[in-house]
């Protein structure tokens, strides 16, 4: 329930994010490692193997919100894992953006649900017994859009999901 409370609070704050943004230069590796630390016990309990690429990238964004987005993606990778779960986090550059890539080998997302998972309060019918309120990915997409970026998804059922978070390299 702690994560749901956090989501609800972020949702309330997201309605007035202009007041809650602190966009500045930040080292992406630092935020990635903070998010991993936030989810340390979850990752250990799930047996998730982490593969984190070394990152030199600096982006202009709000550290708190990027960390929130990473926390959502990590928690979902754990929640929807399969046998021998692996989570890969890496970056690459694309024009004037840095792309943060979060990839798992979990249950994947059916093609007909891929657009829907970013809708507010959307919950998949396919995942029985999973707790959630359907705000995490909605908030992630809204927040990153307000910072001039976006999130894309590639997924194949039974093979995993690949989320790309596009962040501004320069202000």
Protein backbone atom coordinates (compact mmCIF):
# COMPACT_ATOMS: atom_id res chain seq x y z
CA UNK A 1 0.00 0.00 0.00
CA UNK A 2 2.94 2.33 0.49
CA UNK A 3 3.47 2.50 -3.30
CA UNK A 4 -0.25 3.21 -3.88
CA UNK A 5 -0.16 6.02 -1.35
CA UNK A 6 2.90 7.42 -3.11
CA UNK A 7 1.10 7.20 -6.47
CA UNK A 8 -1.96 8.96 -5.09
CA UNK A 9 0.18 11.75 -3.67
CA UNK A 10 2.10 12.14 -6.93
CA UNK A 11 -1.21 12.13 -8.80
CA UNK A 12 -2.52 14.95 -6.60
CA UNK A 13 0.71 16.89 -7.12
CA UNK A 14 0.72 16.22 -10.88
CA UNK A 15 -2.36 18.39 -11.30
CA UNK A 16 -0.22 21.39 -10.34
CA UNK A 17 3.21 20.26 -11.47
CA UNK A 18 4.30 23.70 -12.65
CA UNK A 19 4.77 24.52 -8.96
CA UNK A 20 6.40 21.20 -8.22
CA UNK A 21 9.04 21.08 -10.95
CA UNK A 22 12.68 21.75 -10.43
CA UNK A 23 14.16 21.20 -13.88
CA UNK A 24 17.92 21.31 -13.74
CA UNK A 25 20.97 19.54 -15.02
CA UNK A 26 21.35 16.13 -13.46
CA UNK A 27 23.51 13.02 -13.83
CA UNK A 28 21.26 10.22 -15.01
CA UNK A 29 23.38 7.50 -13.39
CA UNK A 30 22.79 9.03 -9.96
CA UNK A 31 18.99 8.97 -10.36
CA UNK A 32 19.08 5.41 -11.73
CA UNK A 33 21.10 4.23 -8.72
CA UNK A 34 18.74 6.04 -6.32
CA UNK A 35 15.74 4.31 -7.91
CA UNK A 36 17.50 0.95 -7.63
CA UNK A 37 18.18 1.68 -3.95
CA UNK A 38 14.50 2.65 -3.46
CA UNK A 39 13.53 -0.80 -4.79
CA UNK A 40 16.39 -2.81 -3.30
CA UNK A 41 14.23 -5.17 -1.22
CA UNK A 42 11.66 -5.66 -3.96
CA UNK A 43 14.44 -6.55 -6.42
CA UNK A 44 16.14 -8.92 -3.96
CA UNK A 45 12.89 -10.69 -3.00
CA UNK A 46 11.96 -11.21 -6.64
CA UNK A 47 15.36 -12.63 -7.61
CA UNK A 48 15.59 -10.02 -10.35
CA UNK A 49 18.99 -9.86 -12.04
CA UNK A 50 20.00 -6.28 -12.75
CA UNK A 51 22.12 -5.24 -15.70
CA UNK A 52 22.88 -1.54 -15.46
CA UNK A 53 25.01 0.02 -18.16
CA UNK A 54 27.55 2.63 -17.12
CA UNK A 55 26.08 6.06 -17.86
CA UNK A 56 27.86 9.34 -18.44
CA UNK A 57 24.74 11.16 -19.59
CA UNK A 58 23.57 14.46 -18.18
CA UNK A 59 19.98 15.55 -18.81
CA UNK A 60 17.76 18.50 -17.99
CA UNK A 61 14.82 17.23 -16.03
CA UNK A 62 13.30 17.06 -12.57
CA UNK A 63 15.18 14.48 -10.52
CA UNK A 64 12.24 13.65 -8.25
CA UNK A 65 9.89 12.95 -11.16
CA UNK A 66 12.44 10.94 -13.18
CA UNK A 67 13.03 8.84 -10.08
CA UNK A 68 9.25 8.36 -9.72
CA UNK A 69 9.07 7.15 -13.34
CA UNK A 70 11.97 4.73 -12.82
CA UNK A 71 10.35 3.44 -9.64
CA UNK A 72 7.17 2.69 -11.61
CA UNK A 73 9.04 0.85 -14.36
CA UNK A 74 11.12 -1.16 -11.88
CA UNK A 75 8.08 -2.08 -9.76
CA UNK A 76 6.14 -3.17 -12.87
CA UNK A 77 9.07 -5.29 -14.09
CA UNK A 78 9.10 -7.05 -10.71
CA UNK A 79 5.31 -7.38 -10.58
CA UNK A 80 5.01 -8.89 -14.09
CA UNK A 81 8.16 -11.02 -14.07
CA UNK A 82 8.57 -14.61 -15.25
CA UNK A 83 11.20 -17.23 -14.40
CA UNK A 84 14.79 -15.95 -14.13
CA UNK A 85 13.81 -12.28 -14.30
CA UNK A 86 16.27 -9.80 -15.79
CA UNK A 87 16.02 -6.02 -15.80
CA UNK A 88 18.33 -4.01 -18.07
CA UNK A 89 18.79 -0.27 -17.72
CA UNK A 90 20.83 1.60 -20.31
CA UNK A 91 20.95 4.84 -22.28
CA UNK A 92 21.67 6.04 -25.78
CA UNK A 93 21.58 9.41 -27.52
CA UNK A 94 19.11 10.45 -30.16
CA UNK A 95 19.51 13.94 -31.62
CA UNK A 96 19.31 16.35 -28.66
CA UNK A 97 17.80 13.76 -26.33
CA UNK A 98 19.07 11.05 -24.04
CA UNK A 99 16.98 7.90 -24.15
CA UNK A 100 16.75 5.99 -20.89
CA UNK A 101 15.94 2.36 -21.71
CA UNK A 102 14.30 0.04 -19.16
CA UNK A 103 13.90 -3.49 -20.50
CA UNK A 104 12.62 -6.67 -18.85
CA UNK A 105 11.99 -10.28 -19.84
CA UNK A 106 8.60 -10.47 -18.11
CA UNK A 107 5.12 -11.48 -19.25
CA UNK A 108 4.93 -8.66 -21.80
CA UNK A 109 1.91 -6.63 -22.85
CA UNK A 110 -0.59 -7.68 -25.50
CA UNK A 111 -0.59 -5.44 -28.58
CA UNK A 112 -4.22 -4.40 -28.05
CA UNK A 113 -3.37 -3.21 -24.52
CA UNK A 114 -0.18 -1.29 -25.28
CA UNK A 115 -1.83 2.11 -25.81
CA UNK A 116 -4.29 1.54 -22.96
CA UNK A 117 -1.66 1.01 -20.24
CA UNK A 118 -0.89 4.75 -20.27
CA UNK A 119 -4.55 5.69 -19.62
CA UNK A 120 -5.58 6.92 -16.20
CA UNK A 121 -6.89 4.12 -13.94
CA UNK A 122 -6.41 1.46 -16.64
CA UNK A 123 -5.92 -2.04 -15.25
CA UNK A 124 -5.38 -5.08 -17.44
CA UNK A 125 -7.94 -7.88 -17.27
CA UNK A 126 -5.14 -10.39 -17.92
CA UNK A 127 -3.28 -9.98 -14.64
CA UNK A 128 -5.39 -11.53 -11.93
CA UNK A 129 -4.54 -10.88 -8.31
CA UNK A 130 -2.09 -8.06 -9.08
CA UNK A 131 -2.55 -5.03 -6.91
CA UNK A 132 -2.59 -1.60 -8.47
CA UNK A 133 -4.68 1.46 -9.12
CA UNK A 134 -3.73 2.13 -12.73
CA UNK A 135 -1.94 5.42 -12.16
CA UNK A 136 1.77 4.64 -12.42
CA UNK A 137 2.27 4.64 -16.18
CA UNK A 138 -0.37 7.32 -16.72
CA UNK A 139 1.55 9.63 -14.38
CA UNK A 140 4.88 8.67 -15.92
CA UNK A 141 3.69 9.65 -19.40
CA UNK A 142 2.02 12.90 -18.22
CA UNK A 143 5.03 13.98 -16.19
CA UNK A 144 7.58 13.35 -18.90
CA UNK A 145 5.40 15.07 -21.52
CA UNK A 146 5.30 18.22 -19.37
CA UNK A 147 9.09 18.20 -19.39
CA UNK A 148 9.20 18.01 -23.19
CA UNK A 149 9.90 14.29 -23.39
CA UNK A 150 7.90 11.14 -23.90
CA UNK A 151 7.78 7.41 -23.18
CA UNK A 152 7.54 4.72 -25.81
CA UNK A 153 6.87 1.02 -25.40
CA UNK A 154 7.75 -2.10 -27.35
CA UNK A 155 6.43 -5.34 -25.94
CA UNK A 156 5.75 -8.90 -26.92
CA UNK A 157 3.66 -11.23 -24.75
CA UNK A 158 5.86 -13.86 -23.13
CA UNK A 159 9.07 -12.04 -24.11
CA UNK A 160 9.06 -8.85 -22.04
CA UNK A 161 8.76 -5.11 -22.41
CA UNK A 162 11.07 -2.29 -23.43
CA UNK A 163 10.27 1.24 -22.26
CA UNK A 164 12.18 4.20 -23.62
CA UNK A 165 12.06 7.50 -21.73
CA UNK A 166 13.17 10.42 -23.91
CA UNK A 167 14.78 13.22 -21.89
CA UNK A 168 16.20 16.58 -22.96
CA UNK A 169 20.00 16.69 -23.12
CA UNK A 170 20.09 20.49 -23.12
CA UNK A 171 17.84 23.11 -21.62
